[in-house]
Amino acid sequence: MQLPLLPHGANREDYAAGLDAAAERMRAAIVWLAEQGISRIVAVGHGYGADVALHATADNALPEVISIVAGNWRLAPERIDHAQPVPLPERPVFDLYGGRDRELRMAGERRATSWNHSNWYTSWELAAADFDFTGCEAQFAGRVRGWLARVDKLIPPS
């Protein structure tokens, strides 16, 4: 699914303003997949795509999405306005982030501290990775594949 594109140089507030529209696009894609008979959907997002996946599934919306893989999302567990914590979705979340980007590492550490009480939340720092996981793609894919295999055993088919 292609998210709405923002101009080069867009800031965090620009992305925040587009979250609802992007989440609506994701909802439409999930509905279409469900209409095709696909009932066990994993939302995999990188950066802003991870923000959108978590935003779209907040308040337990989109039950077709059984789990979320969030790669290098920059938001700490706070809404964009920093007023309230983002509720952890009632589904497994795998939070992967690169250790070479200080902001990513700090946001990941804040999420892990905030959500570590949940059996649904798993975080993993790939110390050698940058924002795009450049040169670490195989490690990233292997971790995601292993996590998905575990989640598949935890969540019975609907």
C-alpha atoms as a PDB file:
ATOM      1  CA  MET A   1       0.000   0.000   0.000  1.00  0.00           C
ATOM      2  CA  GLN A   2       1.371   3.388  -0.936  1.00  0.00           C
ATOM      3  CA  LEU A   3       0.997   6.020   1.754  1.00  0.00           C
ATOM      4  CA  PRO A   4       0.258   9.613   0.800  1.00  0.00           C
ATOM      5  CA  LEU A   5       3.532  11.254  -0.160  1.00  0.00           C
ATOM      6  CA  LEU A   6       4.629  14.448   1.505  1.00  0.00           C
ATOM      7  CA  PRO A   7       7.051  16.938  -0.017  1.00  0.00           C
ATOM      8  CA  HIS A   8      10.764  16.532   0.598  1.00  0.00           C
ATOM      9  CA  GLY A   9      11.681  18.259   3.838  1.00  0.00           C
ATOM     10  CA  ALA A  10       8.310  17.687   5.505  1.00  0.00           C
ATOM     11  CA  ASN A  11       8.595  17.844   9.284  1.00  0.00           C
ATOM     12  CA  ARG A  12       7.051  15.696  12.009  1.00  0.00           C
ATOM     13  CA  GLU A  13       4.016  17.975  12.316  1.00  0.00           C
ATOM     14  CA  ASP A  14       3.330  17.592   8.576  1.00  0.00           C
ATOM     15  CA  TYR A  15       3.352  13.826   8.984  1.00  0.00           C
ATOM     16  CA  ALA A  16       1.137  14.037  12.064  1.00  0.00           C
ATOM     17  CA  ALA A  17      -1.418  16.053  10.119  1.00  0.00           C
ATOM     18  CA  GLY A  18      -1.584  13.263   7.532  1.00  0.00           C
ATOM     19  CA  LEU A  19      -1.977  10.351   9.954  1.00  0.00           C
ATOM     20  CA  ASP A  20      -5.764  10.152   9.710  1.00  0.00           C
ATOM     21  CA  ALA A  21      -5.791  10.181   5.897  1.00  0.00           C
ATOM     22  CA  ALA A  22      -3.018   7.582   5.752  1.00  0.00           C
ATOM     23  CA  ALA A  23      -4.795   5.408   8.331  1.00  0.00           C
ATOM     24  CA  GLU A  24      -7.984   5.605   6.259  1.00  0.00           C
ATOM     25  CA  ARG A  25      -6.039   4.387   3.221  1.00  0.00           C
ATOM     26  CA  MET A  26      -4.727   1.490   5.310  1.00  0.00           C
ATOM     27  CA  ARG A  27      -8.239   0.652   6.501  1.00  0.00           C
ATOM     28  CA  ALA A  28      -9.442   0.538   2.891  1.00  0.00           C
ATOM     29  CA  ALA A  29      -6.578  -1.811   1.968  1.00  0.00           C
ATOM     30  CA  ILE A  30      -7.367  -4.106   4.921  1.00  0.00           C
ATOM     31  CA  VAL A  31     -11.057  -4.212   3.966  1.00  0.00           C
ATOM     32  CA  TRP A  32     -10.088  -5.108   0.396  1.00  0.00           C
ATOM     33  CA  LEU A  33      -7.783  -7.909   1.591  1.00  0.00           C
ATOM     34  CA  ALA A  34     -10.529  -9.244   3.880  1.00  0.00           C
ATOM     35  CA  GLU A  35     -12.950  -9.241   0.937  1.00  0.00           C
ATOM     36  CA  GLN A  36     -10.419 -11.412  -0.927  1.00  0.00           C
ATOM     37  CA  GLY A  37     -10.652 -13.968   1.896  1.00  0.00           C
ATOM     38  CA  ILE A  38      -7.439 -13.004   3.657  1.00  0.00           C
ATOM     39  CA  SER A  39      -8.211 -13.026   7.356  1.00  0.00           C
ATOM     40  CA  ARG A  40      -4.788 -13.092   9.073  1.00  0.00           C
ATOM     41  CA  ILE A  41      -3.087  -9.844   8.159  1.00  0.00           C
ATOM     42  CA  VAL A  42       0.193  -8.566   9.562  1.00  0.00           C
ATOM     43  CA  ALA A  43       0.822  -4.844   9.126  1.00  0.00           C
ATOM     44  CA  VAL A  44       4.501  -4.218   8.435  1.00  0.00           C
ATOM     45  CA  GLY A  45       5.532  -0.579   8.415  1.00  0.00           C
ATOM     46  CA  HIS A  46       8.820   1.276   8.287  1.00  0.00           C
ATOM     47  CA  GLY A  47       9.180   4.796   9.656  1.00  0.00           C
ATOM     48  CA  TYR A  48       5.981   6.689   8.944  1.00  0.00           C
ATOM     49  CA  GLY A  49       4.351   3.445   7.761  1.00  0.00           C
ATOM     50  CA  ALA A  50       4.806   2.024  11.258  1.00  0.00           C
ATOM     51  CA  ASP A  51       3.255   5.161  12.767  1.00  0.00           C
ATOM     52  CA  VAL A  52       0.279   4.730  10.427  1.00  0.00           C
ATOM     53  CA  ALA A  53      -0.141   1.031  11.278  1.00  0.00           C
ATOM     54  CA  LEU A  54      -0.198   1.767  14.996  1.00  0.00           C
ATOM     55  CA  HIS A  55      -2.514   4.751  14.531  1.00  0.00           C
ATOM     56  CA  ALA A  56      -4.946   2.810  12.311  1.00  0.00           C
ATOM     57  CA  THR A  57      -5.172  -0.108  14.745  1.00  0.00           C
ATOM     58  CA  ALA A  58      -5.538   2.032  17.882  1.00  0.00           C
ATOM     59  CA  ASP A  59      -8.550   1.335  20.077  1.00  0.00           C
ATOM     60  CA  ASN A  60      -8.551  -2.224  18.713  1.00  0.00           C
ATOM     61  CA  ALA A  61      -9.721  -1.151  15.275  1.00  0.00           C
ATOM     62  CA  LEU A  62      -9.114  -3.462  12.322  1.00  0.00           C
ATOM     63  CA  PRO A  63      -9.362  -6.869  14.007  1.00  0.00           C
ATOM     64  CA  GLU A  64      -8.175  -8.449  10.739  1.00  0.00           C
ATOM     65  CA  VAL A  65      -4.698  -7.160  11.607  1.00  0.00           C
ATOM     66  CA  ILE A  66      -3.397  -9.846  13.952  1.00  0.00           C
ATOM     67  CA  SER A  67       0.015  -8.270  14.570  1.00  0.00           C
ATOM     68  CA  ILE A  68       2.224  -5.315  13.700  1.00  0.00           C
ATOM     69  CA  VAL A  69       5.894  -5.122  12.742  1.00  0.00           C
ATOM     70  CA  ALA A  70       7.091  -1.549  13.310  1.00  0.00           C
ATOM     71  CA  GLY A  71      10.526  -0.802  11.889  1.00  0.00           C
ATOM     72  CA  ASN A  72      12.318   2.402  12.883  1.00  0.00           C
ATOM     73  CA  TRP A  73       9.342   4.499  13.804  1.00  0.00           C
ATOM     74  CA  ARG A  74      10.395   7.737  15.375  1.00  0.00           C
ATOM     75  CA  LEU A  75       7.556   8.353  17.786  1.00  0.00           C
ATOM     76  CA  ALA A  76       7.996   7.430  21.410  1.00  0.00           C
ATOM     77  CA  PRO A  77       4.868   5.938  22.988  1.00  0.00           C
ATOM     78  CA  GLU A  78       3.279   9.367  22.944  1.00  0.00           C
ATOM     79  CA  ARG A  79       0.758  10.869  20.609  1.00  0.00           C
ATOM     80  CA  ILE A  80       2.158  13.464  18.260  1.00  0.00           C
ATOM     81  CA  ASP A  81       0.954  16.210  20.602  1.00  0.00           C
ATOM     82  CA  HIS A  82       2.769  14.425  23.458  1.00  0.00           C
ATOM     83  CA  ALA A  83      -0.348  14.711  25.638  1.00  0.00           C
ATOM     84  CA  GLN A  84      -1.224  11.046  26.105  1.00  0.00           C
ATOM     85  CA  PRO A  85       0.574   7.720  25.837  1.00  0.00           C
ATOM     86  CA  VAL A  86      -0.225   5.670  22.755  1.00  0.00           C
ATOM     87  CA  PRO A  87      -2.150   2.628  23.940  1.00  0.00           C
ATOM     88  CA  LEU A  88      -0.446  -0.618  23.065  1.00  0.00           C
ATOM     89  CA  PRO A  89      -2.714  -2.438  20.614  1.00  0.00           C
ATOM     90  CA  GLU A  90      -4.328  -5.653  21.821  1.00  0.00           C
ATOM     91  CA  ARG A  91      -2.214  -7.631  19.387  1.00  0.00           C
ATOM     92  CA  PRO A  92       1.469  -8.499  19.119  1.00  0.00           C
ATOM     93  CA  VAL A  93       3.814  -5.647  18.198  1.00  0.00           C
ATOM     94  CA  PHE A  94       7.419  -6.217  17.114  1.00  0.00           C
ATOM     95  CA  ASP A  95       9.375  -2.967  17.421  1.00  0.00           C
ATOM     96  CA  LEU A  96      12.699  -3.054  15.536  1.00  0.00           C
ATOM     97  CA  TYR A  97      15.055  -0.109  15.464  1.00  0.00           C
ATOM     98  CA  GLY A  98      18.567   0.715  14.378  1.00  0.00           C
ATOM     99  CA  GLY A  99      21.172   1.551  16.981  1.00  0.00           C
ATOM    100  CA  ARG A 100      23.259   3.866  14.773  1.00  0.00           C
ATOM    101  CA  ASP A 101      20.612   6.595  14.836  1.00  0.00           C
ATOM    102  CA  ARG A 102      20.549   8.232  18.280  1.00  0.00           C
ATOM    103  CA  GLU A 103      16.961   9.502  17.971  1.00  0.00           C
ATOM    104  CA  LEU A 104      15.699   6.068  16.885  1.00  0.00           C
ATOM    105  CA  ARG A 105      17.586   4.349  19.681  1.00  0.00           C
ATOM    106  CA  MET A 106      16.242   6.734  22.326  1.00  0.00           C
ATOM    107  CA  ALA A 107      12.647   6.462  21.047  1.00  0.00           C
ATOM    108  CA  GLY A 108      12.934   2.669  20.997  1.00  0.00           C
ATOM    109  CA  GLU A 109      14.259   2.631  24.541  1.00  0.00           C
ATOM    110  CA  ARG A 110      11.368   4.844  25.705  1.00  0.00           C
ATOM    111  CA  ARG A 111       8.825   2.526  24.068  1.00  0.00           C
ATOM    112  CA  ALA A 112      10.450  -0.534  25.601  1.00  0.00           C
ATOM    113  CA  THR A 113      10.343   1.082  29.042  1.00  0.00           C
ATOM    114  CA  SER A 114       6.721   2.130  28.613  1.00  0.00           C
ATOM    115  CA  TRP A 115       5.419  -1.124  27.154  1.00  0.00           C
ATOM    116  CA  ASN A 116       7.694  -3.763  28.687  1.00  0.00           C
ATOM    117  CA  HIS A 117       4.876  -4.921  30.979  1.00  0.00           C
ATOM    118  CA  SER A 118       2.940  -6.337  28.027  1.00  0.00           C
ATOM    119  CA  ASN A 119       3.279  -9.878  26.742  1.00  0.00           C
ATOM    120  CA  TRP A 120       2.247  -8.491  23.341  1.00  0.00           C
ATOM    121  CA  TYR A 121       5.259  -6.195  22.951  1.00  0.00           C
ATOM    122  CA  THR A 122       8.723  -7.221  21.775  1.00  0.00           C
ATOM    123  CA  SER A 123      11.525  -4.809  20.939  1.00  0.00           C
ATOM    124  CA  TRP A 124      14.845  -5.443  19.277  1.00  0.00           C
ATOM    125  CA  GLU A 125      17.719  -3.080  18.588  1.00  0.00           C
ATOM    126  CA  LEU A 126      19.982  -3.929  15.687  1.00  0.00           C
ATOM    127  CA  ALA A 127      23.071  -2.048  16.890  1.00  0.00           C
ATOM    128  CA  ALA A 128      24.774  -1.869  13.474  1.00  0.00           C
ATOM    129  CA  ALA A 129      21.689  -0.589  11.632  1.00  0.00           C
ATOM    130  CA  ASP A 130      20.838   2.878  10.416  1.00  0.00           C
ATOM    131  CA  PHE A 131      17.314   4.110   9.619  1.00  0.00           C
ATOM    132  CA  ASP A 132      17.055   1.998   6.449  1.00  0.00           C
ATOM    133  CA  PHE A 133      18.769  -1.093   7.932  1.00  0.00           C
ATOM    134  CA  THR A 134      21.387  -0.687   5.178  1.00  0.00           C
ATOM    135  CA  GLY A 135      23.664  -3.721   5.123  1.00  0.00           C
ATOM    136  CA  CYS A 136      21.547  -5.401   7.803  1.00  0.00           C
ATOM    137  CA  GLU A 137      18.610  -6.438   5.613  1.00  0.00           C
ATOM    138  CA  ALA A 138      19.193 -10.180   6.088  1.00  0.00           C
ATOM    139  CA  GLN A 139      19.333  -9.839   9.880  1.00  0.00           C
ATOM    140  CA  PHE A 140      16.187  -7.705   9.821  1.00  0.00           C
ATOM    141  CA  ALA A 141      14.313 -10.190   7.619  1.00  0.00           C
ATOM    142  CA  GLY A 142      15.455 -13.141   9.733  1.00  0.00           C
ATOM    143  CA  ARG A 143      14.271 -11.525  12.967  1.00  0.00           C
ATOM    144  CA  VAL A 144      10.903 -10.644  11.458  1.00  0.00           C
ATOM    145  CA  ARG A 145      10.479 -14.148  10.006  1.00  0.00           C
ATOM    146  CA  GLY A 146      11.291 -15.769  13.369  1.00  0.00           C
ATOM    147  CA  TRP A 147       8.963 -13.450  15.271  1.00  0.00           C
ATOM    148  CA  LEU A 148       6.115 -14.068  12.815  1.00  0.00           C
ATOM    149  CA  ALA A 149       6.543 -17.836  13.216  1.00  0.00           C
ATOM    150  CA  ARG A 150       6.161 -17.460  17.000  1.00  0.00           C
ATOM    151  CA  VAL A 151       3.146 -15.163  16.657  1.00  0.00           C
ATOM    152  CA  ASP A 152       1.492 -17.580  14.233  1.00  0.00           C
ATOM    153  CA  LYS A 153       1.575 -20.247  16.951  1.00  0.00           C
ATOM    154  CA  LEU A 154       0.176 -17.864  19.589  1.00  0.00           C
ATOM    155  CA  ILE A 155      -2.831 -16.586  17.672  1.00  0.00           C
ATOM    156  CA  PRO A 156      -5.283 -19.258  16.561  1.00  0.00           C
ATOM    157  CA  PRO A 157      -6.909 -18.921  13.133  1.00  0.00           C
ATOM    158  CA  SER A 158     -10.211 -17.084  13.264  1.00  0.00           C
END
